[in-house]
Protein backbone atom coordinates (compact mmCIF):
# COMPACT_ATOMS: atom_id res chain seq x y z
CA UNK A 1 105.80 96.23 111.49
CA UNK A 2 102.32 94.42 111.73
CA UNK A 3 98.68 95.04 112.93
CA UNK A 4 95.81 92.54 113.61
CA UNK A 5 92.05 92.99 113.47
CA UNK A 6 90.44 90.32 115.45
CA UNK A 7 86.95 88.63 115.18
CA UNK A 8 85.21 91.23 117.65
CA UNK A 9 86.98 94.17 115.80
CA UNK A 10 89.50 95.00 118.49
CA UNK A 11 93.18 95.57 117.14
CA UNK A 12 96.93 94.79 118.12
CA UNK A 13 99.76 96.41 116.67
CA UNK A 14 102.91 94.56 116.70
CA UNK A 15 106.61 95.60 117.69
CA UNK A 16 109.67 95.69 115.52
CA UNK A 17 111.96 93.12 113.95
CA UNK A 18 114.23 92.98 117.58
CA UNK A 19 111.02 92.52 119.52
CA UNK A 20 107.96 91.57 117.54
CA UNK A 21 105.54 91.30 120.37
CA UNK A 22 104.10 88.24 118.57
CA UNK A 23 103.61 86.05 121.84
CA UNK A 24 102.07 88.89 123.62
CA UNK A 25 99.23 88.94 121.24
CA UNK A 26 95.77 88.42 122.89
CA UNK A 27 94.31 84.59 122.18
CA UNK A 28 91.33 86.04 119.64
CA UNK A 29 90.77 84.71 116.46
CA UNK A 30 92.44 86.81 113.64
CA UNK A 31 90.16 88.32 111.06
CA UNK A 32 93.09 90.28 109.47
CA UNK A 33 96.73 90.79 109.39
CA UNK A 34 98.55 93.59 107.79
CA UNK A 35 102.49 93.41 107.55
CA UNK A 36 104.30 96.35 106.61
CA UNK A 37 107.67 96.18 104.90
CA UNK A 38 109.34 99.14 103.06
CA UNK A 39 107.00 100.38 100.79
CA UNK A 40 104.79 97.34 100.62
CA UNK A 41 102.11 96.07 102.74
CA UNK A 42 100.69 92.51 102.72
CA UNK A 43 97.42 91.74 103.93
CA UNK A 44 96.06 88.25 104.80
CA UNK A 45 92.48 87.09 105.78
CA UNK A 46 90.53 84.20 105.73
CA UNK A 47 93.33 81.51 106.86
CA UNK A 48 93.06 78.82 109.61
CA UNK A 49 96.10 79.91 111.26
CA UNK A 50 98.92 82.70 111.23
CA UNK A 51 102.62 82.78 112.01
CA UNK A 52 105.65 84.50 111.63
CA UNK A 53 109.65 83.96 112.39
CA UNK A 54 112.41 86.54 112.57
CA UNK A 55 115.58 85.02 111.43
CA UNK A 56 118.58 85.96 113.06
CA UNK A 57 122.26 85.12 112.87
CA UNK A 58 124.80 85.32 115.52
CA UNK A 59 128.54 86.10 115.38
CA UNK A 60 130.99 87.02 117.88
CA UNK A 61 128.53 88.12 120.24
CA UNK A 62 126.41 90.06 117.92
CA UNK A 63 123.03 89.06 116.37
CA UNK A 64 121.74 90.26 113.19
CA UNK A 65 117.99 89.99 111.78
CA UNK A 66 118.38 88.55 108.12
CA UNK A 67 114.93 87.53 107.25
CA UNK A 68 111.11 87.54 108.03
CA UNK A 69 108.93 84.66 107.31
CA UNK A 70 105.24 85.14 107.29
CA UNK A 71 102.65 82.04 107.17
CA UNK A 72 99.22 81.76 106.63
CA UNK A 73 97.71 78.10 106.74
CA UNK A 74 94.69 76.65 104.67
CA UNK A 75 94.07 73.19 105.35
CA UNK A 76 97.31 71.56 104.73
CA UNK A 77 98.91 74.04 102.72
CA UNK A 78 100.90 77.16 104.02
CA UNK A 79 101.43 80.29 101.79
CA UNK A 80 104.79 81.60 103.14
CA UNK A 81 106.37 85.07 102.29
CA UNK A 82 110.06 85.54 102.87
CA UNK A 83 111.36 88.95 103.36
CA UNK A 84 115.27 89.09 103.02
CA UNK A 85 116.05 91.87 105.21
CA UNK A 86 119.55 92.48 103.67
CA UNK A 87 118.37 92.57 99.84
CA UNK A 88 114.92 94.12 100.71
CA UNK A 89 113.14 91.50 98.61
CA UNK A 90 110.10 89.41 99.09
CA UNK A 91 109.13 85.96 97.60
CA UNK A 92 106.57 83.57 98.17
CA UNK A 93 106.87 79.91 98.85
CA UNK A 94 104.01 77.28 99.11
CA UNK A 95 104.94 74.71 101.44
CA UNK A 96 103.21 71.63 103.24
CA UNK A 97 102.06 72.14 106.91
CA UNK A 98 104.82 70.59 109.13
CA UNK A 99 107.43 71.94 106.37
CA UNK A 100 107.33 75.66 106.89
CA UNK A 101 110.41 76.56 108.08
CA UNK A 102 113.77 74.96 106.71
CA UNK A 103 111.44 71.65 106.17
CA UNK A 104 110.45 71.51 109.89
CA UNK A 105 107.00 72.71 111.55
CA UNK A 106 106.96 75.98 113.35
CA UNK A 107 105.12 76.65 116.81
CA UNK A 108 103.40 79.74 118.38
CA UNK A 109 100.62 80.06 115.35
CA UNK A 110 97.65 81.90 116.01
CA UNK A 111 94.12 81.10 115.06
CA UNK A 112 92.13 82.78 112.29
CA UNK A 113 88.67 82.79 111.06
CA UNK A 114 88.56 80.37 108.34
CA UNK A 115 86.82 81.72 105.13
CA UNK A 116 88.01 82.24 101.60
CA UNK A 117 91.86 82.45 101.96
CA UNK A 118 93.31 85.70 100.66
CA UNK A 119 96.49 87.54 100.47
CA UNK A 120 97.38 90.85 98.65
CA UNK A 121 100.48 92.84 98.28
CA UNK A 122 99.91 96.55 97.98
CA UNK A 123 102.05 99.52 97.65
CA UNK A 124 101.98 101.62 100.95
CA UNK A 125 100.61 105.11 100.40
CA UNK A 126 102.62 107.36 102.69
CA UNK A 127 101.09 110.39 104.26
CA UNK A 128 102.92 113.52 102.80
CA UNK A 129 102.88 116.52 105.21
């Protein structure tokens, strides 16, 4: 689902939508965050903070993952990407800090190495065997 490269060049690989392991990540400054989704990869670097949320809905004793929200903060602005898991579409929304998710602030952000904030959406190249 995602991989992190820290300031000291060590790495962390996240889990899946049902268990992202975000809260198990070491408390180190993030240098680069790569998030894989279908045939795409979103790469973030240079932001002050990073966060993500997996949105779930529950009905009759079952839960279903519906969206993933990826957030990267620079100053008071948040670059937020929403991945709709049902339609498999990705869209970007800009918002102010404190209004990232349903006009509310989020918790569990991870600190990054502030530089020139940059994101890139790449088509993934899958290895052919």
